[in-house]
Amino acid sequence: MIPQSFKDILSNGENVGFYQTLSMLIFLIFFLGIIIYVFSRSKKHYDEEANAPLDDDHTEENKL
């Protein structure tokens, strides 16, 4: 039998709790990884990136 939708795949009751737990763990690991990455960067990095649009305008004017 070919399932018609994703709902049909999960409606059989086997391993549904496992898939829910696995997807929650993958999401939490990814989310915590992003949080750790963002807070581990130095403030200098973010200051440089925040000023990047302003710096590009000045450099383009100098090239013309």
PDB file of N, CA and C in Angstrom:
ATOM      1  N   MET A   1       0.840  -1.188   0.000  1.00  0.00           N
ATOM      2  CA  MET A   1       0.000   0.000   0.000  1.00  0.00           C
ATOM      3  C   MET A   1       0.879   1.243   0.000  1.00  0.00           C
ATOM      4  N   ILE A   2       0.647   2.125  -0.912  1.00  0.00           N
ATOM      5  CA  ILE A   2       1.394   3.373  -1.009  1.00  0.00           C
ATOM      6  C   ILE A   2       0.652   4.437  -0.195  1.00  0.00           C
ATOM      7  N   PRO A   3       1.345   5.053   0.769  1.00  0.00           N
ATOM      8  CA  PRO A   3       0.665   6.078   1.568  1.00  0.00           C
ATOM      9  C   PRO A   3       0.313   7.301   0.718  1.00  0.00           C
ATOM     10  N   GLN A   4      -0.850   7.860   0.989  1.00  0.00           N
ATOM     11  CA  GLN A   4      -1.326   9.006   0.229  1.00  0.00           C
ATOM     12  C   GLN A   4      -0.795  10.327   0.748  1.00  0.00           C
ATOM     13  N   SER A   5      -0.432  10.357   2.017  1.00  0.00           N
ATOM     14  CA  SER A   5       0.066  11.603   2.583  1.00  0.00           C
ATOM     15  C   SER A   5       0.967  11.291   3.770  1.00  0.00           C
ATOM     16  N   PHE A   6       1.607  12.329   4.264  1.00  0.00           N
ATOM     17  CA  PHE A   6       2.473  12.179   5.438  1.00  0.00           C
ATOM     18  C   PHE A   6       1.657  11.751   6.650  1.00  0.00           C
ATOM     19  N   LYS A   7       0.415  12.200   6.725  1.00  0.00           N
ATOM     20  CA  LYS A   7      -0.462  11.836   7.843  1.00  0.00           C
ATOM     21  C   LYS A   7      -0.704  10.329   7.852  1.00  0.00           C
ATOM     22  N   ASP A   8      -0.839   9.735   6.683  1.00  0.00           N
ATOM     23  CA  ASP A   8      -1.049   8.291   6.614  1.00  0.00           C
ATOM     24  C   ASP A   8       0.163   7.516   7.121  1.00  0.00           C
ATOM     25  N   ILE A   9       1.355   8.054   6.897  1.00  0.00           N
ATOM     26  CA  ILE A   9       2.572   7.384   7.338  1.00  0.00           C
ATOM     27  C   ILE A   9       2.624   7.333   8.854  1.00  0.00           C
ATOM     28  N   LEU A  10       2.274   8.440   9.501  1.00  0.00           N
ATOM     29  CA  LEU A  10       2.364   8.505  10.958  1.00  0.00           C
ATOM     30  C   LEU A  10       1.120   8.004  11.670  1.00  0.00           C
ATOM     31  N   SER A  11       0.071   7.679  10.962  1.00  0.00           N
ATOM     32  CA  SER A  11      -1.163   7.266  11.612  1.00  0.00           C
ATOM     33  C   SER A  11      -1.159   5.791  11.991  1.00  0.00           C
ATOM     34  N   ASN A  12      -0.147   5.033  11.581  1.00  0.00           N
ATOM     35  CA  ASN A  12      -0.149   3.602  11.889  1.00  0.00           C
ATOM     36  C   ASN A  12       0.183   3.320  13.357  1.00  0.00           C
ATOM     37  N   GLY A  13       0.739   4.269  14.071  1.00  0.00           N
ATOM     38  CA  GLY A  13       0.957   4.106  15.500  1.00  0.00           C
ATOM     39  C   GLY A  13       2.299   3.523  15.870  1.00  0.00           C
ATOM     40  N   GLU A  14       3.004   2.920  14.940  1.00  0.00           N
ATOM     41  CA  GLU A  14       4.307   2.349  15.250  1.00  0.00           C
ATOM     42  C   GLU A  14       5.374   3.441  15.193  1.00  0.00           C
ATOM     43  N   ASN A  15       6.161   3.530  16.229  1.00  0.00           N
ATOM     44  CA  ASN A  15       7.295   4.452  16.295  1.00  0.00           C
ATOM     45  C   ASN A  15       6.921   5.927  16.172  1.00  0.00           C
ATOM     46  N   VAL A  16       5.670   6.287  16.354  1.00  0.00           N
ATOM     47  CA  VAL A  16       5.279   7.682  16.247  1.00  0.00           C
ATOM     48  C   VAL A  16       5.947   8.489  17.348  1.00  0.00           C
ATOM     49  N   GLY A  17       5.949   7.977  18.566  1.00  0.00           N
ATOM     50  CA  GLY A  17       6.589   8.670  19.681  1.00  0.00           C
ATOM     51  C   GLY A  17       8.083   8.813  19.461  1.00  0.00           C
ATOM     52  N   PHE A  18       8.684   7.795  18.868  1.00  0.00           N
ATOM     53  CA  PHE A  18      10.120   7.846  18.580  1.00  0.00           C
ATOM     54  C   PHE A  18      10.430   8.941  17.573  1.00  0.00           C
ATOM     55  N   TYR A  19       9.636   9.053  16.510  1.00  0.00           N
ATOM     56  CA  TYR A  19       9.862  10.082  15.495  1.00  0.00           C
ATOM     57  C   TYR A  19       9.662  11.483  16.065  1.00  0.00           C
ATOM     58  N   GLN A  20       8.672  11.635  16.935  1.00  0.00           N
ATOM     59  CA  GLN A  20       8.441  12.936  17.558  1.00  0.00           C
ATOM     60  C   GLN A  20       9.611  13.316  18.459  1.00  0.00           C
ATOM     61  N   THR A  21      10.088  12.358  19.239  1.00  0.00           N
ATOM     62  CA  THR A  21      11.216  12.614  20.127  1.00  0.00           C
ATOM     63  C   THR A  21      12.474  12.907  19.328  1.00  0.00           C
ATOM     64  N   LEU A  22      12.718  12.143  18.282  1.00  0.00           N
ATOM     65  CA  LEU A  22      13.895  12.343  17.443  1.00  0.00           C
ATOM     66  C   LEU A  22      13.869  13.721  16.779  1.00  0.00           C
ATOM     67  N   SER A  23      12.730  14.110  16.253  1.00  0.00           N
ATOM     68  CA  SER A  23      12.653  15.417  15.601  1.00  0.00           C
ATOM     69  C   SER A  23      12.820  16.547  16.615  1.00  0.00           C
ATOM     70  N   MET A  24      12.308  16.389  17.815  1.00  0.00           N
ATOM     71  CA  MET A  24      12.487  17.415  18.853  1.00  0.00           C
ATOM     72  C   MET A  24      13.951  17.519  19.263  1.00  0.00           C
ATOM     73  N   LEU A  25      14.632  16.395  19.392  1.00  0.00           N
ATOM     74  CA  LEU A  25      16.050  16.418  19.756  1.00  0.00           C
ATOM     75  C   LEU A  25      16.899  17.060  18.660  1.00  0.00           C
ATOM     76  N   ILE A  26      16.609  16.759  17.416  1.00  0.00           N
ATOM     77  CA  ILE A  26      17.349  17.369  16.306  1.00  0.00           C
ATOM     78  C   ILE A  26      17.130  18.875  16.302  1.00  0.00           C
ATOM     79  N   PHE A  27      15.886  19.312  16.510  1.00  0.00           N
ATOM     80  CA  PHE A  27      15.598  20.741  16.555  1.00  0.00           C
ATOM     81  C   PHE A  27      16.328  21.409  17.712  1.00  0.00           C
ATOM     82  N   LEU A  28      16.290  20.815  18.895  1.00  0.00           N
ATOM     83  CA  LEU A  28      16.939  21.415  20.057  1.00  0.00           C
ATOM     84  C   LEU A  28      18.447  21.510  19.878  1.00  0.00           C
ATOM     85  N   ILE A  29      19.059  20.475  19.332  1.00  0.00           N
ATOM     86  CA  ILE A  29      20.501  20.498  19.094  1.00  0.00           C
ATOM     87  C   ILE A  29      20.849  21.591  18.090  1.00  0.00           C
ATOM     88  N   PHE A  30      20.082  21.700  17.020  1.00  0.00           N
ATOM     89  CA  PHE A  30      20.322  22.738  16.024  1.00  0.00           C
ATOM     90  C   PHE A  30      20.134  24.127  16.633  1.00  0.00           C
ATOM     91  N   PHE A  31      19.051  24.334  17.367  1.00  0.00           N
ATOM     92  CA  PHE A  31      18.751  25.626  17.972  1.00  0.00           C
ATOM     93  C   PHE A  31      19.824  26.020  18.980  1.00  0.00           C
ATOM     94  N   LEU A  32      20.222  25.104  19.844  1.00  0.00           N
ATOM     95  CA  LEU A  32      21.263  25.408  20.822  1.00  0.00           C
ATOM     96  C   LEU A  32      22.599  25.668  20.140  1.00  0.00           C
ATOM     97  N   GLY A  33      22.869  24.970  19.046  1.00  0.00           N
ATOM     98  CA  GLY A  33      24.096  25.215  18.287  1.00  0.00           C
ATOM     99  C   GLY A  33      24.126  26.615  17.719  1.00  0.00           C
ATOM    100  N   ILE A  34      23.004  27.073  17.195  1.00  0.00           N
ATOM    101  CA  ILE A  34      22.930  28.437  16.666  1.00  0.00           C
ATOM    102  C   ILE A  34      23.111  29.455  17.787  1.00  0.00           C
ATOM    103  N   ILE A  35      22.474  29.230  18.924  1.00  0.00           N
ATOM    104  CA  ILE A  35      22.601  30.148  20.064  1.00  0.00           C
ATOM    105  C   ILE A  35      24.054  30.217  20.535  1.00  0.00           C
ATOM    106  N   ILE A  36      24.707  29.078  20.663  1.00  0.00           N
ATOM    107  CA  ILE A  36      26.108  29.053  21.102  1.00  0.00           C
ATOM    108  C   ILE A  36      26.994  29.756  20.086  1.00  0.00           C
ATOM    109  N   TYR A  37      26.749  29.523  18.798  1.00  0.00           N
ATOM    110  CA  TYR A  37      27.536  30.168  17.751  1.00  0.00           C
ATOM    111  C   TYR A  37      27.394  31.685  17.804  1.00  0.00           C
ATOM    112  N   VAL A  38      26.177  32.159  17.956  1.00  0.00           N
ATOM    113  CA  VAL A  38      25.936  33.605  17.950  1.00  0.00           C
ATOM    114  C   VAL A  38      26.590  34.267  19.152  1.00  0.00           C
ATOM    115  N   PHE A  39      26.448  33.682  20.329  1.00  0.00           N
ATOM    116  CA  PHE A  39      26.995  34.311  21.523  1.00  0.00           C
ATOM    117  C   PHE A  39      28.498  34.097  21.687  1.00  0.00           C
ATOM    118  N   SER A  40      29.077  33.182  20.942  1.00  0.00           N
ATOM    119  CA  SER A  40      30.522  32.969  21.052  1.00  0.00           C
ATOM    120  C   SER A  40      31.312  33.920  20.152  1.00  0.00           C
ATOM    121  N   ARG A  41      30.637  34.560  19.188  1.00  0.00           N
ATOM    122  CA  ARG A  41      31.315  35.514  18.311  1.00  0.00           C
ATOM    123  C   ARG A  41      31.619  36.787  19.093  1.00  0.00           C
ATOM    124  N   SER A  42      32.694  37.442  18.718  1.00  0.00           N
ATOM    125  CA  SER A  42      33.078  38.661  19.413  1.00  0.00           C
ATOM    126  C   SER A  42      32.177  39.826  18.992  1.00  0.00           C
ATOM    127  N   LYS A  43      32.071  40.803  19.852  1.00  0.00           N
ATOM    128  CA  LYS A  43      31.272  41.989  19.546  1.00  0.00           C
ATOM    129  C   LYS A  43      31.870  42.754  18.369  1.00  0.00           C
ATOM    130  N   LYS A  44      33.173  42.676  18.217  1.00  0.00           N
ATOM    131  CA  LYS A  44      33.845  43.354  17.112  1.00  0.00           C
ATOM    132  C   LYS A  44      33.327  42.835  15.761  1.00  0.00           C
ATOM    133  N   HIS A  45      33.101  41.539  15.683  1.00  0.00           N
ATOM    134  CA  HIS A  45      32.588  40.938  14.446  1.00  0.00           C
ATOM    135  C   HIS A  45      31.237  41.540  14.086  1.00  0.00           C
ATOM    136  N   TYR A  46      30.358  41.664  15.062  1.00  0.00           N
ATOM    137  CA  TYR A  46      29.026  42.197  14.792  1.00  0.00           C
ATOM    138  C   TYR A  46      29.070  43.689  14.492  1.00  0.00           C
ATOM    139  N   ASP A  47      29.980  44.426  15.124  1.00  0.00           N
ATOM    140  CA  ASP A  47      30.116  45.849  14.826  1.00  0.00           C
ATOM    141  C   ASP A  47      30.586  46.048  13.388  1.00  0.00           C
ATOM    142  N   GLU A  48      31.529  45.228  12.941  1.00  0.00           N
ATOM    143  CA  GLU A  48      32.007  45.322  11.559  1.00  0.00           C
ATOM    144  C   GLU A  48      30.891  44.991  10.571  1.00  0.00           C
ATOM    145  N   GLU A  49      30.110  43.972  10.883  1.00  0.00           N
ATOM    146  CA  GLU A  49      29.011  43.586   9.989  1.00  0.00           C
ATOM    147  C   GLU A  49      27.897  44.631   9.992  1.00  0.00           C
ATOM    148  N   ALA A  50      27.669  45.262  11.127  1.00  0.00           N
ATOM    149  CA  ALA A  50      26.621  46.286  11.204  1.00  0.00           C
ATOM    150  C   ALA A  50      26.991  47.507  10.375  1.00  0.00           C
ATOM    151  N   ASN A  51      28.265  47.811  10.289  1.00  0.00           N
ATOM    152  CA  ASN A  51      28.710  48.981   9.527  1.00  0.00           C
ATOM    153  C   ASN A  51      29.029  48.663   8.074  1.00  0.00           C
ATOM    154  N   ALA A  52      28.919  47.439   7.664  1.00  0.00           N
ATOM    155  CA  ALA A  52      29.277  47.039   6.307  1.00  0.00           C
ATOM    156  C   ALA A  52      28.486  47.785   5.230  1.00  0.00           C
ATOM    157  N   PRO A  53      27.165  47.942   5.363  1.00  0.00           N
ATOM    158  CA  PRO A  53      26.452  48.691   4.314  1.00  0.00           C
ATOM    159  C   PRO A  53      26.930  50.132   4.202  1.00  0.00           C
ATOM    160  N   LEU A  54      27.275  50.741   5.306  1.00  0.00           N
ATOM    161  CA  LEU A  54      27.747  52.126   5.270  1.00  0.00           C
ATOM    162  C   LEU A  54      29.133  52.213   4.645  1.00  0.00           C
ATOM    163  N   ASP A  55      29.974  51.241   4.946  1.00  0.00           N
ATOM    164  CA  ASP A  55      31.325  51.236   4.386  1.00  0.00           C
ATOM    165  C   ASP A  55      31.310  50.998   2.881  1.00  0.00           C
ATOM    166  N   ASP A  56      30.419  50.169   2.388  1.00  0.00           N
ATOM    167  CA  ASP A  56      30.361  49.876   0.955  1.00  0.00           C
ATOM    168  C   ASP A  56      29.994  51.113   0.151  1.00  0.00           C
ATOM    169  N   ASP A  57      29.106  51.935   0.672  1.00  0.00           N
ATOM    170  CA  ASP A  57      28.729  53.155  -0.046  1.00  0.00           C
ATOM    171  C   ASP A  57      29.925  54.081  -0.248  1.00  0.00           C
ATOM    172  N   HIS A  58      30.748  54.208   0.756  1.00  0.00           N
ATOM    173  CA  HIS A  58      31.908  55.101   0.661  1.00  0.00           C
ATOM    174  C   HIS A  58      32.955  54.544  -0.300  1.00  0.00           C
ATOM    175  N   THR A  59      33.139  53.243  -0.309  1.00  0.00           N
ATOM    176  CA  THR A  59      34.145  52.677  -1.195  1.00  0.00           C
ATOM    177  C   THR A  59      33.716  52.746  -2.647  1.00  0.00           C
ATOM    178  N   GLU A  60      32.425  52.633  -2.930  1.00  0.00           N
ATOM    179  CA  GLU A  60      31.942  52.731  -4.307  1.00  0.00           C
ATOM    180  C   GLU A  60      32.102  54.152  -4.831  1.00  0.00           C
ATOM    181  N   GLU A  61      31.887  55.135  -3.975  1.00  0.00           N
ATOM    182  CA  GLU A  61      32.062  56.525  -4.401  1.00  0.00           C
ATOM    183  C   GLU A  61      33.516  56.811  -4.740  1.00  0.00           C
ATOM    184  N   ASN A  62      34.421  56.221  -3.989  1.00  0.00           N
ATOM    185  CA  ASN A  62      35.858  56.448  -4.237  1.00  0.00           C
ATOM    186  C   ASN A  62      36.302  55.786  -5.549  1.00  0.00           C
ATOM    187  N   LYS A  63      35.644  54.685  -5.940  1.00  0.00           N
ATOM    188  CA  LYS A  63      36.019  53.996  -7.175  1.00  0.00           C
ATOM    189  C   LYS A  63      35.589  54.775  -8.402  1.00  0.00           C
ATOM    190  N   LEU A  64      34.509  55.549  -8.282  1.00  0.00           N
ATOM    191  CA  LEU A  64      34.012  56.289  -9.436  1.00  0.00           C
ATOM    192  C   LEU A  64      34.897  57.436  -9.671  1.00  0.00           C
TER     193      LEU A  64
END
